[in-house]
């Protein structure tokens, strides 16, 4: 399980509070802007949601899991460094 996982802005709701209760050993962040996402992803183990290319490129070496919540992964295939 990751120690630190920023999520995309749309997860700023009741689910985030529930996840924090259920995953006490995981630091969850919900950055609201692209700049905040870039800062948060530098130390992230995982990322939940749609990750913009500029955020992916800013990720540090610890990022090993990107969890897409979409039905398809087409947005992720637009990141050549990822596929």
C-alpha atoms as a PDB file:
ATOM      1  CA  UNK A   1       0.000   0.000   0.000  1.00  0.00           C
ATOM      2  CA  UNK A   2       1.374   3.449  -0.824  1.00  0.00           C
ATOM      3  CA  UNK A   3       2.411   5.814   1.931  1.00  0.00           C
ATOM      4  CA  UNK A   4       1.472   8.969   0.043  1.00  0.00           C
ATOM      5  CA  UNK A   5      -1.083   9.338  -2.730  1.00  0.00           C
ATOM      6  CA  UNK A   6      -2.287  12.632  -4.139  1.00  0.00           C
ATOM      7  CA  UNK A   7      -5.584  12.484  -5.960  1.00  0.00           C
ATOM      8  CA  UNK A   8      -7.110  14.595  -8.667  1.00  0.00           C
ATOM      9  CA  UNK A   9      -9.240  17.564  -7.510  1.00  0.00           C
ATOM     10  CA  UNK A  10     -12.582  15.868  -8.045  1.00  0.00           C
ATOM     11  CA  UNK A  11     -11.987  13.610  -5.040  1.00  0.00           C
ATOM     12  CA  UNK A  12     -12.410  16.568  -2.656  1.00  0.00           C
ATOM     13  CA  UNK A  13     -15.605  15.302  -1.091  1.00  0.00           C
ATOM     14  CA  UNK A  14     -16.918  12.875   1.503  1.00  0.00           C
ATOM     15  CA  UNK A  15     -15.006   9.929   0.047  1.00  0.00           C
ATOM     16  CA  UNK A  16     -11.694  11.530   0.955  1.00  0.00           C
ATOM     17  CA  UNK A  17     -12.715  11.724   4.623  1.00  0.00           C
ATOM     18  CA  UNK A  18     -13.863   8.109   4.522  1.00  0.00           C
ATOM     19  CA  UNK A  19     -10.601   6.966   2.923  1.00  0.00           C
ATOM     20  CA  UNK A  20      -8.587   8.813   5.550  1.00  0.00           C
ATOM     21  CA  UNK A  21     -10.497   6.957   8.285  1.00  0.00           C
ATOM     22  CA  UNK A  22     -10.099   3.589   6.556  1.00  0.00           C
ATOM     23  CA  UNK A  23      -6.444   4.069   5.554  1.00  0.00           C
ATOM     24  CA  UNK A  24      -4.808   5.698   8.581  1.00  0.00           C
ATOM     25  CA  UNK A  25      -1.280   4.825   7.420  1.00  0.00           C
ATOM     26  CA  UNK A  26      -1.698   6.547   4.064  1.00  0.00           C
ATOM     27  CA  UNK A  27      -1.292  10.287   3.616  1.00  0.00           C
ATOM     28  CA  UNK A  28      -3.908  11.429   1.104  1.00  0.00           C
ATOM     29  CA  UNK A  29      -3.731  14.810  -0.593  1.00  0.00           C
ATOM     30  CA  UNK A  30      -6.312  16.492  -2.819  1.00  0.00           C
ATOM     31  CA  UNK A  31      -4.490  19.306  -4.596  1.00  0.00           C
ATOM     32  CA  UNK A  32      -6.834  21.673  -6.396  1.00  0.00           C
ATOM     33  CA  UNK A  33      -4.705  23.258  -9.091  1.00  0.00           C
ATOM     34  CA  UNK A  34      -2.196  21.894 -11.570  1.00  0.00           C
ATOM     35  CA  UNK A  35       0.586  23.676  -9.665  1.00  0.00           C
ATOM     36  CA  UNK A  36      -0.554  22.039  -6.414  1.00  0.00           C
ATOM     37  CA  UNK A  37      -0.718  18.641  -8.145  1.00  0.00           C
ATOM     38  CA  UNK A  38       2.832  19.082  -9.456  1.00  0.00           C
ATOM     39  CA  UNK A  39       4.074  19.881  -5.956  1.00  0.00           C
ATOM     40  CA  UNK A  40       2.177  16.959  -4.399  1.00  0.00           C
ATOM     41  CA  UNK A  41       3.216  14.322  -6.959  1.00  0.00           C
ATOM     42  CA  UNK A  42       6.944  14.856  -6.377  1.00  0.00           C
ATOM     43  CA  UNK A  43       6.862  12.669  -3.248  1.00  0.00           C
ATOM     44  CA  UNK A  44       3.926  10.458  -4.196  1.00  0.00           C
ATOM     45  CA  UNK A  45       3.884   6.684  -4.280  1.00  0.00           C
ATOM     46  CA  UNK A  46       0.553   6.594  -6.106  1.00  0.00           C
ATOM     47  CA  UNK A  47      -1.858   8.874  -7.938  1.00  0.00           C
ATOM     48  CA  UNK A  48      -5.619   8.406  -8.103  1.00  0.00           C
ATOM     49  CA  UNK A  49      -7.554   9.951 -10.966  1.00  0.00           C
ATOM     50  CA  UNK A  50      -6.767  11.444 -14.328  1.00  0.00           C
ATOM     51  CA  UNK A  51      -3.146  12.644 -14.293  1.00  0.00           C
ATOM     52  CA  UNK A  52      -2.270  15.474 -16.674  1.00  0.00           C
ATOM     53  CA  UNK A  53       0.962  15.003 -18.632  1.00  0.00           C
ATOM     54  CA  UNK A  54       2.716  17.926 -16.943  1.00  0.00           C
ATOM     55  CA  UNK A  55       1.881  16.445 -13.544  1.00  0.00           C
ATOM     56  CA  UNK A  56       3.159  13.010 -14.597  1.00  0.00           C
ATOM     57  CA  UNK A  57       6.416  14.533 -15.874  1.00  0.00           C
ATOM     58  CA  UNK A  58       6.905  16.270 -12.508  1.00  0.00           C
ATOM     59  CA  UNK A  59       6.502  13.001 -10.576  1.00  0.00           C
ATOM     60  CA  UNK A  60       9.376  11.837  -8.479  1.00  0.00           C
ATOM     61  CA  UNK A  61      11.003   8.416  -8.660  1.00  0.00           C
ATOM     62  CA  UNK A  62       8.706   6.981  -5.972  1.00  0.00           C
ATOM     63  CA  UNK A  63       5.584   7.142  -8.182  1.00  0.00           C
ATOM     64  CA  UNK A  64       4.821   3.542  -9.063  1.00  0.00           C
ATOM     65  CA  UNK A  65       1.043   3.413  -9.304  1.00  0.00           C
ATOM     66  CA  UNK A  66      -1.407   5.538 -11.288  1.00  0.00           C
ATOM     67  CA  UNK A  67      -4.980   4.479 -10.708  1.00  0.00           C
ATOM     68  CA  UNK A  68      -7.328   5.712 -13.402  1.00  0.00           C
ATOM     69  CA  UNK A  69     -10.918   6.027 -12.293  1.00  0.00           C
ATOM     70  CA  UNK A  70     -12.115   6.323 -15.877  1.00  0.00           C
ATOM     71  CA  UNK A  71     -13.735   3.487 -17.797  1.00  0.00           C
ATOM     72  CA  UNK A  72     -11.060   3.831 -20.466  1.00  0.00           C
ATOM     73  CA  UNK A  73      -7.391   4.710 -20.371  1.00  0.00           C
ATOM     74  CA  UNK A  74      -7.298   6.833 -23.528  1.00  0.00           C
ATOM     75  CA  UNK A  75      -6.228   9.990 -21.624  1.00  0.00           C
ATOM     76  CA  UNK A  76      -3.241   8.072 -20.228  1.00  0.00           C
ATOM     77  CA  UNK A  77      -2.163   6.870 -23.670  1.00  0.00           C
ATOM     78  CA  UNK A  78      -1.708  10.525 -24.626  1.00  0.00           C
ATOM     79  CA  UNK A  79       1.337  10.576 -22.289  1.00  0.00           C
ATOM     80  CA  UNK A  80       4.083   8.951 -24.390  1.00  0.00           C
ATOM     81  CA  UNK A  81       6.453   8.787 -21.406  1.00  0.00           C
ATOM     82  CA  UNK A  82       3.920   6.593 -19.606  1.00  0.00           C
ATOM     83  CA  UNK A  83       3.081   4.032 -22.277  1.00  0.00           C
END
